[in-house]
């Protein structure tokens, strides 16, 4: 491609052979064709490289980068950002599926709304087999994101497209929440972001994988990120440079399965099978104890209620 592409798609991959074909195909079959597809393999030990190389031979839009050693997602994403030539950056994960009109809708929106720096989208949760579990459909204005992003991350990282601007990188100490740190820094810089209600991505929820203590670590890293943001607003030393991530990474936490918690949460919000919700909660209790995850009591009790109460509870949880 002689001219610069309109979009640079950045997709990290680490041992993602199981879903890699679906992810790559979903990008190559976009209705919007003018993009480069930067795939960075982060030291995979499975068959990922053979899959990517096979596609790279077929489609010159694919740019394959290979990390000799596993660098982690933050350094891998930044490597992609450094070589991206497109006007816009689109994020993609190697186990998700972008709907065919995703880039067309996001590109046109950014072109028609030059005051918006970043656009995220609504999405569907799917399970390992691709079955839809729950559709997360929202419409967040720049004002809501500006005022509420410190409370919770309103922007789903794999759905975003944003302006390719010098100096926009993820920070390596914001482990497990590099996206939240970026959103808050963009807000501080006065950049506007929006999430549209169009569902443009299928986000794969891996039901059987175990995260152990990472959820606890993530909460503490988010706490640090929020502290940095507060310090910026107060015009005092942010605290990033003096922060040592090992103070969190080396801590021991009570065992937990945050993918299972997420799975129960999605099952509950889908409203399709409350009996299954209760069974999954019981399974969780039997494995981790009755007092490990306090919201499980609320989920269990609400699942026994009439449908109207369930709907009201879900609406409350989503807001």
C-alpha atoms as a PDB file:
ATOM      1  CA  UNK A   1       0.000   0.000   0.000  1.00  0.00           C
ATOM      2  CA  UNK A   2       1.788   3.152  -1.252  1.00  0.00           C
ATOM      3  CA  UNK A   3      -0.382   5.693   0.517  1.00  0.00           C
ATOM      4  CA  UNK A   4      -0.811   5.839   4.253  1.00  0.00           C
ATOM      5  CA  UNK A   5      -3.685   3.702   5.521  1.00  0.00           C
ATOM      6  CA  UNK A   6      -6.653   5.412   7.115  1.00  0.00           C
ATOM      7  CA  UNK A   7      -6.663   2.997  10.078  1.00  0.00           C
ATOM      8  CA  UNK A   8      -3.926   1.080  11.893  1.00  0.00           C
ATOM      9  CA  UNK A   9      -5.343  -1.998  13.614  1.00  0.00           C
ATOM     10  CA  UNK A  10      -3.191  -3.154  16.545  1.00  0.00           C
ATOM     11  CA  UNK A  11      -3.711  -6.711  17.774  1.00  0.00           C
ATOM     12  CA  UNK A  12      -1.418  -8.332  20.372  1.00  0.00           C
ATOM     13  CA  UNK A  13      -1.350 -12.116  20.493  1.00  0.00           C
ATOM     14  CA  UNK A  14       0.007 -14.568  23.012  1.00  0.00           C
ATOM     15  CA  UNK A  15      -0.751 -18.279  22.525  1.00  0.00           C
ATOM     16  CA  UNK A  16      -4.089 -17.419  20.942  1.00  0.00           C
ATOM     17  CA  UNK A  17      -4.219 -20.119  18.281  1.00  0.00           C
ATOM     18  CA  UNK A  18      -7.662 -21.386  19.345  1.00  0.00           C
ATOM     19  CA  UNK A  19      -9.505 -18.200  18.327  1.00  0.00           C
ATOM     20  CA  UNK A  20      -6.915 -16.466  16.168  1.00  0.00           C
ATOM     21  CA  UNK A  21      -8.435 -17.419  12.828  1.00  0.00           C
ATOM     22  CA  UNK A  22     -11.829 -15.972  13.772  1.00  0.00           C
ATOM     23  CA  UNK A  23     -10.220 -12.754  14.990  1.00  0.00           C
ATOM     24  CA  UNK A  24      -8.087 -12.268  11.879  1.00  0.00           C
ATOM     25  CA  UNK A  25     -10.939 -13.141   9.517  1.00  0.00           C
ATOM     26  CA  UNK A  26     -13.216 -10.611  11.212  1.00  0.00           C
ATOM     27  CA  UNK A  27     -10.693  -7.850  10.449  1.00  0.00           C
ATOM     28  CA  UNK A  28      -9.874  -8.885   6.898  1.00  0.00           C
ATOM     29  CA  UNK A  29     -13.582  -9.004   6.022  1.00  0.00           C
ATOM     30  CA  UNK A  30     -14.374  -5.476   7.157  1.00  0.00           C
ATOM     31  CA  UNK A  31     -16.501  -3.407   4.777  1.00  0.00           C
ATOM     32  CA  UNK A  32     -13.920  -0.636   5.254  1.00  0.00           C
ATOM     33  CA  UNK A  33     -10.791  -1.820   3.424  1.00  0.00           C
ATOM     34  CA  UNK A  34      -8.183   0.926   3.837  1.00  0.00           C
ATOM     35  CA  UNK A  35      -6.234  -0.230   6.871  1.00  0.00           C
ATOM     36  CA  UNK A  36      -2.987  -1.837   7.961  1.00  0.00           C
ATOM     37  CA  UNK A  37      -3.252  -4.783  10.333  1.00  0.00           C
ATOM     38  CA  UNK A  38      -0.396  -4.810  12.847  1.00  0.00           C
ATOM     39  CA  UNK A  39      -0.231  -8.156  14.633  1.00  0.00           C
ATOM     40  CA  UNK A  40       2.377  -8.410  17.396  1.00  0.00           C
ATOM     41  CA  UNK A  41       3.115 -11.907  18.629  1.00  0.00           C
ATOM     42  CA  UNK A  42       4.311 -11.729  22.215  1.00  0.00           C
ATOM     43  CA  UNK A  43       6.533 -14.806  22.332  1.00  0.00           C
ATOM     44  CA  UNK A  44       3.873 -17.443  21.671  1.00  0.00           C
ATOM     45  CA  UNK A  45       4.784 -21.103  22.111  1.00  0.00           C
ATOM     46  CA  UNK A  46       1.738 -22.553  20.324  1.00  0.00           C
ATOM     47  CA  UNK A  47       0.867 -22.584  16.602  1.00  0.00           C
ATOM     48  CA  UNK A  48       0.038 -18.863  16.481  1.00  0.00           C
ATOM     49  CA  UNK A  49       3.015 -17.869  14.344  1.00  0.00           C
ATOM     50  CA  UNK A  50       2.181 -20.351  11.585  1.00  0.00           C
ATOM     51  CA  UNK A  51      -1.395 -19.077  11.470  1.00  0.00           C
ATOM     52  CA  UNK A  52      -0.362 -15.425  11.298  1.00  0.00           C
ATOM     53  CA  UNK A  53       2.332 -16.063   8.672  1.00  0.00           C
ATOM     54  CA  UNK A  54      -0.151 -17.925   6.511  1.00  0.00           C
ATOM     55  CA  UNK A  55      -2.514 -14.937   6.517  1.00  0.00           C
ATOM     56  CA  UNK A  56       0.333 -12.446   6.062  1.00  0.00           C
ATOM     57  CA  UNK A  57       1.281 -14.166   2.801  1.00  0.00           C
ATOM     58  CA  UNK A  58      -2.270 -13.780   1.524  1.00  0.00           C
ATOM     59  CA  UNK A  59      -2.912 -10.197   2.602  1.00  0.00           C
ATOM     60  CA  UNK A  60      -0.257  -7.480   2.398  1.00  0.00           C
ATOM     61  CA  UNK A  61      -2.158  -5.305   4.872  1.00  0.00           C
ATOM     62  CA  UNK A  62      -0.890  -7.574   7.663  1.00  0.00           C
ATOM     63  CA  UNK A  63       2.329  -6.387   9.334  1.00  0.00           C
ATOM     64  CA  UNK A  64       3.755  -9.065  11.617  1.00  0.00           C
ATOM     65  CA  UNK A  65       5.971  -8.093  14.536  1.00  0.00           C
ATOM     66  CA  UNK A  66       7.498 -10.718  16.819  1.00  0.00           C
ATOM     67  CA  UNK A  67       8.655 -10.214  20.393  1.00  0.00           C
ATOM     68  CA  UNK A  68      11.577 -12.560  21.065  1.00  0.00           C
ATOM     69  CA  UNK A  69      10.434 -12.822  24.664  1.00  0.00           C
ATOM     70  CA  UNK A  70       7.062 -12.292  26.330  1.00  0.00           C
ATOM     71  CA  UNK A  71       6.888  -8.566  27.056  1.00  0.00           C
ATOM     72  CA  UNK A  72       3.292  -8.318  28.261  1.00  0.00           C
ATOM     73  CA  UNK A  73       0.385  -6.465  26.720  1.00  0.00           C
ATOM     74  CA  UNK A  74       1.416  -2.893  27.591  1.00  0.00           C
ATOM     75  CA  UNK A  75       4.867  -2.981  25.990  1.00  0.00           C
ATOM     76  CA  UNK A  76       3.437  -4.977  23.093  1.00  0.00           C
ATOM     77  CA  UNK A  77       0.704  -2.399  22.424  1.00  0.00           C
ATOM     78  CA  UNK A  78       3.238   0.424  22.578  1.00  0.00           C
ATOM     79  CA  UNK A  79       5.420  -1.353  20.039  1.00  0.00           C
ATOM     80  CA  UNK A  80       2.470  -1.355  17.673  1.00  0.00           C
ATOM     81  CA  UNK A  81       1.704   2.309  18.349  1.00  0.00           C
ATOM     82  CA  UNK A  82       5.280   3.307  17.482  1.00  0.00           C
ATOM     83  CA  UNK A  83       5.035   1.980  13.923  1.00  0.00           C
ATOM     84  CA  UNK A  84       1.359   2.720  13.217  1.00  0.00           C
ATOM     85  CA  UNK A  85       0.921   4.922  10.130  1.00  0.00           C
ATOM     86  CA  UNK A  86      -2.847   5.302  10.040  1.00  0.00           C
ATOM     87  CA  UNK A  87      -4.852   8.413  10.818  1.00  0.00           C
ATOM     88  CA  UNK A  88      -6.698   6.387  13.444  1.00  0.00           C
ATOM     89  CA  UNK A  89      -5.783   3.513  15.762  1.00  0.00           C
ATOM     90  CA  UNK A  90      -8.190   0.582  16.196  1.00  0.00           C
ATOM     91  CA  UNK A  91      -7.731  -1.926  19.018  1.00  0.00           C
ATOM     92  CA  UNK A  92      -8.374  -5.619  18.605  1.00  0.00           C
ATOM     93  CA  UNK A  93      -7.789  -8.700  20.770  1.00  0.00           C
ATOM     94  CA  UNK A  94      -6.859 -12.058  19.304  1.00  0.00           C
ATOM     95  CA  UNK A  95      -9.844 -13.912  20.769  1.00  0.00           C
ATOM     96  CA  UNK A  96     -12.572 -11.385  19.894  1.00  0.00           C
ATOM     97  CA  UNK A  97     -14.642 -10.880  16.745  1.00  0.00           C
ATOM     98  CA  UNK A  98     -15.187  -7.475  15.119  1.00  0.00           C
ATOM     99  CA  UNK A  99     -18.472  -7.145  13.273  1.00  0.00           C
ATOM    100  CA  UNK A 100     -17.973  -6.492   9.562  1.00  0.00           C
ATOM    101  CA  UNK A 101     -19.125  -2.847   9.654  1.00  0.00           C
ATOM    102  CA  UNK A 102     -17.187  -1.871  12.772  1.00  0.00           C
ATOM    103  CA  UNK A 103     -14.444   0.159  11.074  1.00  0.00           C
ATOM    104  CA  UNK A 104     -16.811   1.798   8.614  1.00  0.00           C
ATOM    105  CA  UNK A 105     -19.061   3.107  11.397  1.00  0.00           C
ATOM    106  CA  UNK A 106     -16.234   4.211  13.676  1.00  0.00           C
ATOM    107  CA  UNK A 107     -14.216   5.851  10.888  1.00  0.00           C
ATOM    108  CA  UNK A 108     -17.215   7.782   9.579  1.00  0.00           C
ATOM    109  CA  UNK A 109     -18.126   8.907  13.080  1.00  0.00           C
ATOM    110  CA  UNK A 110     -14.656  10.284  13.785  1.00  0.00           C
ATOM    111  CA  UNK A 111     -14.491  11.949  10.386  1.00  0.00           C
ATOM    112  CA  UNK A 112     -17.869  13.635  10.945  1.00  0.00           C
ATOM    113  CA  UNK A 113     -17.140  14.570  14.564  1.00  0.00           C
ATOM    114  CA  UNK A 114     -13.622  16.038  14.620  1.00  0.00           C
ATOM    115  CA  UNK A 115     -14.062  17.171  18.234  1.00  0.00           C
ATOM    116  CA  UNK A 116     -14.233  13.523  19.381  1.00  0.00           C
ATOM    117  CA  UNK A 117     -10.788  12.022  19.999  1.00  0.00           C
ATOM    118  CA  UNK A 118     -11.837   8.445  20.788  1.00  0.00           C
ATOM    119  CA  UNK A 119     -14.894   6.341  20.093  1.00  0.00           C
ATOM    120  CA  UNK A 120     -15.862   3.108  21.832  1.00  0.00           C
ATOM    121  CA  UNK A 121     -18.836   0.912  21.057  1.00  0.00           C
ATOM    122  CA  UNK A 122     -21.357  -1.375  22.657  1.00  0.00           C
ATOM    123  CA  UNK A 123     -20.556  -5.086  22.463  1.00  0.00           C
ATOM    124  CA  UNK A 124     -21.726  -8.624  23.104  1.00  0.00           C
ATOM    125  CA  UNK A 125     -20.256 -11.123  25.536  1.00  0.00           C
ATOM    126  CA  UNK A 126     -19.786 -14.515  23.897  1.00  0.00           C
ATOM    127  CA  UNK A 127     -18.592 -17.770  25.413  1.00  0.00           C
ATOM    128  CA  UNK A 128     -15.773 -20.000  24.234  1.00  0.00           C
ATOM    129  CA  UNK A 129     -17.978 -21.545  21.549  1.00  0.00           C
ATOM    130  CA  UNK A 130     -19.185 -18.191  20.248  1.00  0.00           C
ATOM    131  CA  UNK A 131     -22.660 -18.316  21.812  1.00  0.00           C
ATOM    132  CA  UNK A 132     -23.989 -14.892  22.793  1.00  0.00           C
ATOM    133  CA  UNK A 133     -24.305 -14.569  26.570  1.00  0.00           C
ATOM    134  CA  UNK A 134     -25.283 -10.938  26.994  1.00  0.00           C
ATOM    135  CA  UNK A 135     -25.442  -7.733  24.968  1.00  0.00           C
ATOM    136  CA  UNK A 136     -23.972  -4.686  26.680  1.00  0.00           C
ATOM    137  CA  UNK A 137     -25.647  -1.784  24.893  1.00  0.00           C
ATOM    138  CA  UNK A 138     -24.986   1.742  26.116  1.00  0.00           C
ATOM    139  CA  UNK A 139     -24.683   5.290  24.824  1.00  0.00           C
ATOM    140  CA  UNK A 140     -22.208   7.373  26.827  1.00  0.00           C
ATOM    141  CA  UNK A 141     -21.758  11.039  26.024  1.00  0.00           C
ATOM    142  CA  UNK A 142     -18.412  12.823  26.379  1.00  0.00           C
ATOM    143  CA  UNK A 143     -19.850  14.609  29.416  1.00  0.00           C
ATOM    144  CA  UNK A 144     -20.757  11.370  31.191  1.00  0.00           C
ATOM    145  CA  UNK A 145     -17.348   9.866  30.463  1.00  0.00           C
ATOM    146  CA  UNK A 146     -15.632  12.998  31.763  1.00  0.00           C
ATOM    147  CA  UNK A 147     -17.600  13.022  35.031  1.00  0.00           C
ATOM    148  CA  UNK A 148     -17.946   9.265  35.680  1.00  0.00           C
ATOM    149  CA  UNK A 149     -14.856   7.566  34.237  1.00  0.00           C
ATOM    150  CA  UNK A 150     -13.095   7.801  37.589  1.00  0.00           C
ATOM    151  CA  UNK A 151     -15.929   5.745  39.147  1.00  0.00           C
ATOM    152  CA  UNK A 152     -15.715   2.890  36.635  1.00  0.00           C
ATOM    153  CA  UNK A 153     -14.239   2.264  33.217  1.00  0.00           C
ATOM    154  CA  UNK A 154     -17.044   3.190  30.839  1.00  0.00           C
ATOM    155  CA  UNK A 155     -15.038   2.403  27.705  1.00  0.00           C
ATOM    156  CA  UNK A 156     -14.422  -1.213  26.686  1.00  0.00           C
ATOM    157  CA  UNK A 157     -10.806  -1.304  25.539  1.00  0.00           C
ATOM    158  CA  UNK A 158     -11.050  -3.766  22.584  1.00  0.00           C
ATOM    159  CA  UNK A 159     -13.802  -1.652  20.952  1.00  0.00           C
ATOM    160  CA  UNK A 160     -11.961   1.643  20.671  1.00  0.00           C
ATOM    161  CA  UNK A 161     -10.754   3.676  17.719  1.00  0.00           C
ATOM    162  CA  UNK A 162      -8.869   6.910  18.334  1.00  0.00           C
ATOM    163  CA  UNK A 163      -6.724   9.534  16.652  1.00  0.00           C
ATOM    164  CA  UNK A 164      -3.135   8.472  16.027  1.00  0.00           C
ATOM    165  CA  UNK A 165      -1.436  11.321  17.818  1.00  0.00           C
ATOM    166  CA  UNK A 166       2.186  11.652  18.882  1.00  0.00           C
ATOM    167  CA  UNK A 167       2.749  10.958  22.557  1.00  0.00           C
ATOM    168  CA  UNK A 168      -0.249   8.676  23.047  1.00  0.00           C
ATOM    169  CA  UNK A 169       1.092   5.544  24.736  1.00  0.00           C
ATOM    170  CA  UNK A 170       0.114   3.158  27.502  1.00  0.00           C
ATOM    171  CA  UNK A 171       2.107   3.459  30.727  1.00  0.00           C
ATOM    172  CA  UNK A 172       3.932   0.367  31.909  1.00  0.00           C
ATOM    173  CA  UNK A 173       3.215   0.792  35.617  1.00  0.00           C
ATOM    174  CA  UNK A 174      -0.566   0.835  35.083  1.00  0.00           C
ATOM    175  CA  UNK A 175      -0.649  -2.969  35.094  1.00  0.00           C
ATOM    176  CA  UNK A 176      -4.037  -4.640  34.439  1.00  0.00           C
ATOM    177  CA  UNK A 177      -5.599  -1.194  33.905  1.00  0.00           C
ATOM    178  CA  UNK A 178      -3.481   0.491  31.252  1.00  0.00           C
ATOM    179  CA  UNK A 179      -6.667   1.488  29.429  1.00  0.00           C
ATOM    180  CA  UNK A 180      -8.218   3.192  32.464  1.00  0.00           C
ATOM    181  CA  UNK A 181      -5.016   5.142  32.992  1.00  0.00           C
ATOM    182  CA  UNK A 182      -5.067   6.275  29.357  1.00  0.00           C
ATOM    183  CA  UNK A 183      -8.729   7.345  29.464  1.00  0.00           C
ATOM    184  CA  UNK A 184      -8.128   9.474  32.570  1.00  0.00           C
ATOM    185  CA  UNK A 185      -5.032  11.090  31.063  1.00  0.00           C
ATOM    186  CA  UNK A 186      -6.986  11.916  27.910  1.00  0.00           C
ATOM    187  CA  UNK A 187      -9.741  13.473  30.020  1.00  0.00           C
ATOM    188  CA  UNK A 188      -7.136  15.579  31.824  1.00  0.00           C
ATOM    189  CA  UNK A 189      -5.830  16.727  28.439  1.00  0.00           C
ATOM    190  CA  UNK A 190      -9.336  17.882  27.516  1.00  0.00           C
ATOM    191  CA  UNK A 191      -9.917  15.247  24.846  1.00  0.00           C
ATOM    192  CA  UNK A 192     -13.495  14.109  24.268  1.00  0.00           C
ATOM    193  CA  UNK A 193     -14.511  10.449  24.148  1.00  0.00           C
ATOM    194  CA  UNK A 194     -17.801   8.783  23.365  1.00  0.00           C
ATOM    195  CA  UNK A 195     -19.330   5.296  23.414  1.00  0.00           C
ATOM    196  CA  UNK A 196     -21.990   4.624  20.798  1.00  0.00           C
ATOM    197  CA  UNK A 197     -24.911   2.208  21.115  1.00  0.00           C
ATOM    198  CA  UNK A 198     -24.101   0.222  17.967  1.00  0.00           C
ATOM    199  CA  UNK A 199     -22.912  -3.271  18.870  1.00  0.00           C
ATOM    200  CA  UNK A 200     -19.707  -3.716  16.856  1.00  0.00           C
ATOM    201  CA  UNK A 201     -17.685  -6.356  18.726  1.00  0.00           C
ATOM    202  CA  UNK A 202     -18.142  -9.833  20.161  1.00  0.00           C
ATOM    203  CA  UNK A 203     -16.030 -10.036  23.310  1.00  0.00           C
ATOM    204  CA  UNK A 204     -15.067 -13.568  24.253  1.00  0.00           C
ATOM    205  CA  UNK A 205     -15.478 -14.527  27.890  1.00  0.00           C
ATOM    206  CA  UNK A 206     -13.403 -17.566  28.756  1.00  0.00           C
ATOM    207  CA  UNK A 207     -15.499 -19.422  31.304  1.00  0.00           C
ATOM    208  CA  UNK A 208     -12.969 -22.020  32.428  1.00  0.00           C
ATOM    209  CA  UNK A 209      -9.760 -20.028  32.771  1.00  0.00           C
ATOM    210  CA  UNK A 210      -8.594 -19.031  36.235  1.00  0.00           C
ATOM    211  CA  UNK A 211      -7.117 -15.617  37.090  1.00  0.00           C
ATOM    212  CA  UNK A 212      -6.447 -16.387  40.767  1.00  0.00           C
ATOM    213  CA  UNK A 213      -5.220 -13.195  42.463  1.00  0.00           C
ATOM    214  CA  UNK A 214      -5.086 -10.885  39.435  1.00  0.00           C
ATOM    215  CA  UNK A 215      -8.477  -9.400  40.201  1.00  0.00           C
ATOM    216  CA  UNK A 216      -7.281  -8.291  43.628  1.00  0.00           C
ATOM    217  CA  UNK A 217      -4.111  -6.890  42.103  1.00  0.00           C
ATOM    218  CA  UNK A 218      -6.101  -5.063  39.451  1.00  0.00           C
ATOM    219  CA  UNK A 219      -8.201  -3.323  42.117  1.00  0.00           C
ATOM    220  CA  UNK A 220      -5.061  -2.019  43.809  1.00  0.00           C
ATOM    221  CA  UNK A 221      -3.539  -0.848  40.523  1.00  0.00           C
ATOM    222  CA  UNK A 222      -6.788   0.962  39.682  1.00  0.00           C
ATOM    223  CA  UNK A 223      -6.600   2.635  43.088  1.00  0.00           C
ATOM    224  CA  UNK A 224      -3.134   3.903  42.177  1.00  0.00           C
ATOM    225  CA  UNK A 225      -4.309   5.117  38.766  1.00  0.00           C
ATOM    226  CA  UNK A 226      -7.171   7.035  40.391  1.00  0.00           C
ATOM    227  CA  UNK A 227      -4.726   8.583  42.867  1.00  0.00           C
ATOM    228  CA  UNK A 228      -2.512   9.765  39.996  1.00  0.00           C
ATOM    229  CA  UNK A 229      -5.546  11.321  38.309  1.00  0.00           C
ATOM    230  CA  UNK A 230      -6.619  13.089  41.512  1.00  0.00           C
ATOM    231  CA  UNK A 231      -3.109  14.471  41.982  1.00  0.00           C
ATOM    232  CA  UNK A 232      -3.096  15.805  38.431  1.00  0.00           C
ATOM    233  CA  UNK A 233      -6.374  17.610  39.095  1.00  0.00           C
ATOM    234  CA  UNK A 234      -4.905  19.079  42.276  1.00  0.00           C
ATOM    235  CA  UNK A 235      -1.810  20.195  40.321  1.00  0.00           C
ATOM    236  CA  UNK A 236       0.553  18.293  42.604  1.00  0.00           C
ATOM    237  CA  UNK A 237       3.142  15.593  41.932  1.00  0.00           C
ATOM    238  CA  UNK A 238       1.303  12.755  40.217  1.00  0.00           C
ATOM    239  CA  UNK A 239       3.170   9.904  41.902  1.00  0.00           C
ATOM    240  CA  UNK A 240       3.687   7.696  38.848  1.00  0.00           C
ATOM    241  CA  UNK A 241       7.482   7.980  38.748  1.00  0.00           C
ATOM    242  CA  UNK A 242       7.917   7.072  42.414  1.00  0.00           C
ATOM    243  CA  UNK A 243       5.426   4.182  42.331  1.00  0.00           C
ATOM    244  CA  UNK A 244       6.898   0.669  42.496  1.00  0.00           C
ATOM    245  CA  UNK A 245       4.553  -1.960  40.943  1.00  0.00           C
ATOM    246  CA  UNK A 246       6.264  -4.717  42.936  1.00  0.00           C
ATOM    247  CA  UNK A 247       4.540  -3.441  46.070  1.00  0.00           C
ATOM    248  CA  UNK A 248       1.370  -4.916  44.560  1.00  0.00           C
ATOM    249  CA  UNK A 249       2.736  -7.702  42.367  1.00  0.00           C
ATOM    250  CA  UNK A 250       4.577  -9.408  45.220  1.00  0.00           C
ATOM    251  CA  UNK A 251       1.648  -9.352  47.636  1.00  0.00           C
ATOM    252  CA  UNK A 252      -0.148 -12.581  48.454  1.00  0.00           C
ATOM    253  CA  UNK A 253      -3.911 -12.612  48.070  1.00  0.00           C
ATOM    254  CA  UNK A 254      -6.684 -14.991  48.941  1.00  0.00           C
ATOM    255  CA  UNK A 255      -7.372 -17.336  46.033  1.00  0.00           C
ATOM    256  CA  UNK A 256     -10.235 -16.328  43.795  1.00  0.00           C
ATOM    257  CA  UNK A 257     -11.527 -16.967  40.281  1.00  0.00           C
ATOM    258  CA  UNK A 258     -12.379 -13.645  38.691  1.00  0.00           C
ATOM    259  CA  UNK A 259     -13.304 -15.169  35.366  1.00  0.00           C
ATOM    260  CA  UNK A 260     -15.925 -17.258  37.170  1.00  0.00           C
ATOM    261  CA  UNK A 261     -17.225 -14.140  38.938  1.00  0.00           C
ATOM    262  CA  UNK A 262     -17.416 -12.348  35.602  1.00  0.00           C
ATOM    263  CA  UNK A 263     -19.204 -15.330  34.077  1.00  0.00           C
ATOM    264  CA  UNK A 264     -21.826 -15.344  36.862  1.00  0.00           C
ATOM    265  CA  UNK A 265     -22.266 -11.597  36.430  1.00  0.00           C
ATOM    266  CA  UNK A 266     -22.916 -11.996  32.699  1.00  0.00           C
ATOM    267  CA  UNK A 267     -25.291 -14.919  33.236  1.00  0.00           C
ATOM    268  CA  UNK A 268     -27.228 -12.866  35.759  1.00  0.00           C
ATOM    269  CA  UNK A 269     -27.513  -9.835  33.467  1.00  0.00           C
ATOM    270  CA  UNK A 270     -28.614 -11.992  30.545  1.00  0.00           C
ATOM    271  CA  UNK A 271     -31.777 -12.889  32.546  1.00  0.00           C
ATOM    272  CA  UNK A 272     -32.052 -16.129  30.586  1.00  0.00           C
ATOM    273  CA  UNK A 273     -31.463 -18.812  33.214  1.00  0.00           C
ATOM    274  CA  UNK A 274     -31.613 -17.829  36.875  1.00  0.00           C
ATOM    275  CA  UNK A 275     -31.458 -21.470  37.906  1.00  0.00           C
ATOM    276  CA  UNK A 276     -28.048 -21.717  36.229  1.00  0.00           C
ATOM    277  CA  UNK A 277     -26.984 -18.506  37.984  1.00  0.00           C
ATOM    278  CA  UNK A 278     -27.792 -20.047  41.349  1.00  0.00           C
ATOM    279  CA  UNK A 279     -25.986 -23.258  40.464  1.00  0.00           C
ATOM    280  CA  UNK A 280     -22.846 -21.375  39.419  1.00  0.00           C
ATOM    281  CA  UNK A 281     -22.943 -19.360  42.658  1.00  0.00           C
ATOM    282  CA  UNK A 282     -23.241 -22.576  44.682  1.00  0.00           C
ATOM    283  CA  UNK A 283     -20.287 -24.012  42.759  1.00  0.00           C
ATOM    284  CA  UNK A 284     -18.312 -20.874  43.553  1.00  0.00           C
ATOM    285  CA  UNK A 285     -19.188 -21.065  47.248  1.00  0.00           C
ATOM    286  CA  UNK A 286     -18.184 -24.709  47.437  1.00  0.00           C
ATOM    287  CA  UNK A 287     -14.776 -23.882  45.964  1.00  0.00           C
ATOM    288  CA  UNK A 288     -13.935 -20.564  47.603  1.00  0.00           C
ATOM    289  CA  UNK A 289     -16.198 -20.345  50.644  1.00  0.00           C
ATOM    290  CA  UNK A 290     -19.329 -18.422  51.516  1.00  0.00           C
ATOM    291  CA  UNK A 291     -17.577 -15.172  52.413  1.00  0.00           C
ATOM    292  CA  UNK A 292     -15.173 -14.756  49.492  1.00  0.00           C
ATOM    293  CA  UNK A 293     -17.398 -12.730  47.170  1.00  0.00           C
ATOM    294  CA  UNK A 294     -20.029 -10.709  49.036  1.00  0.00           C
ATOM    295  CA  UNK A 295     -22.193  -9.665  46.022  1.00  0.00           C
ATOM    296  CA  UNK A 296     -22.943 -13.353  45.425  1.00  0.00           C
ATOM    297  CA  UNK A 297     -25.548 -13.201  48.209  1.00  0.00           C
ATOM    298  CA  UNK A 298     -27.373 -10.363  46.452  1.00  0.00           C
ATOM    299  CA  UNK A 299     -27.225 -12.150  43.091  1.00  0.00           C
ATOM    300  CA  UNK A 300     -28.533 -15.348  44.620  1.00  0.00           C
ATOM    301  CA  UNK A 301     -31.424 -13.663  46.445  1.00  0.00           C
ATOM    302  CA  UNK A 302     -32.424 -11.497  43.466  1.00  0.00           C
ATOM    303  CA  UNK A 303     -32.391 -14.553  41.178  1.00  0.00           C
ATOM    304  CA  UNK A 304     -35.225 -15.967  43.318  1.00  0.00           C
ATOM    305  CA  UNK A 305     -37.354 -12.859  42.837  1.00  0.00           C
ATOM    306  CA  UNK A 306     -40.040 -12.158  40.191  1.00  0.00           C
ATOM    307  CA  UNK A 307     -38.814 -11.067  36.781  1.00  0.00           C
ATOM    308  CA  UNK A 308     -39.733  -7.426  37.415  1.00  0.00           C
ATOM    309  CA  UNK A 309     -37.435  -7.278  40.452  1.00  0.00           C
ATOM    310  CA  UNK A 310     -34.647  -8.961  38.489  1.00  0.00           C
ATOM    311  CA  UNK A 311     -34.985  -6.406  35.681  1.00  0.00           C
ATOM    312  CA  UNK A 312     -34.883  -3.477  38.117  1.00  0.00           C
ATOM    313  CA  UNK A 313     -31.796  -4.916  39.839  1.00  0.00           C
ATOM    314  CA  UNK A 314     -29.972  -5.374  36.553  1.00  0.00           C
ATOM    315  CA  UNK A 315     -30.839  -1.857  35.426  1.00  0.00           C
ATOM    316  CA  UNK A 316     -29.480  -0.517  38.718  1.00  0.00           C
ATOM    317  CA  UNK A 317     -26.234  -2.508  38.358  1.00  0.00           C
ATOM    318  CA  UNK A 318     -25.650  -1.240  34.817  1.00  0.00           C
ATOM    319  CA  UNK A 319     -25.994   2.438  35.773  1.00  0.00           C
END
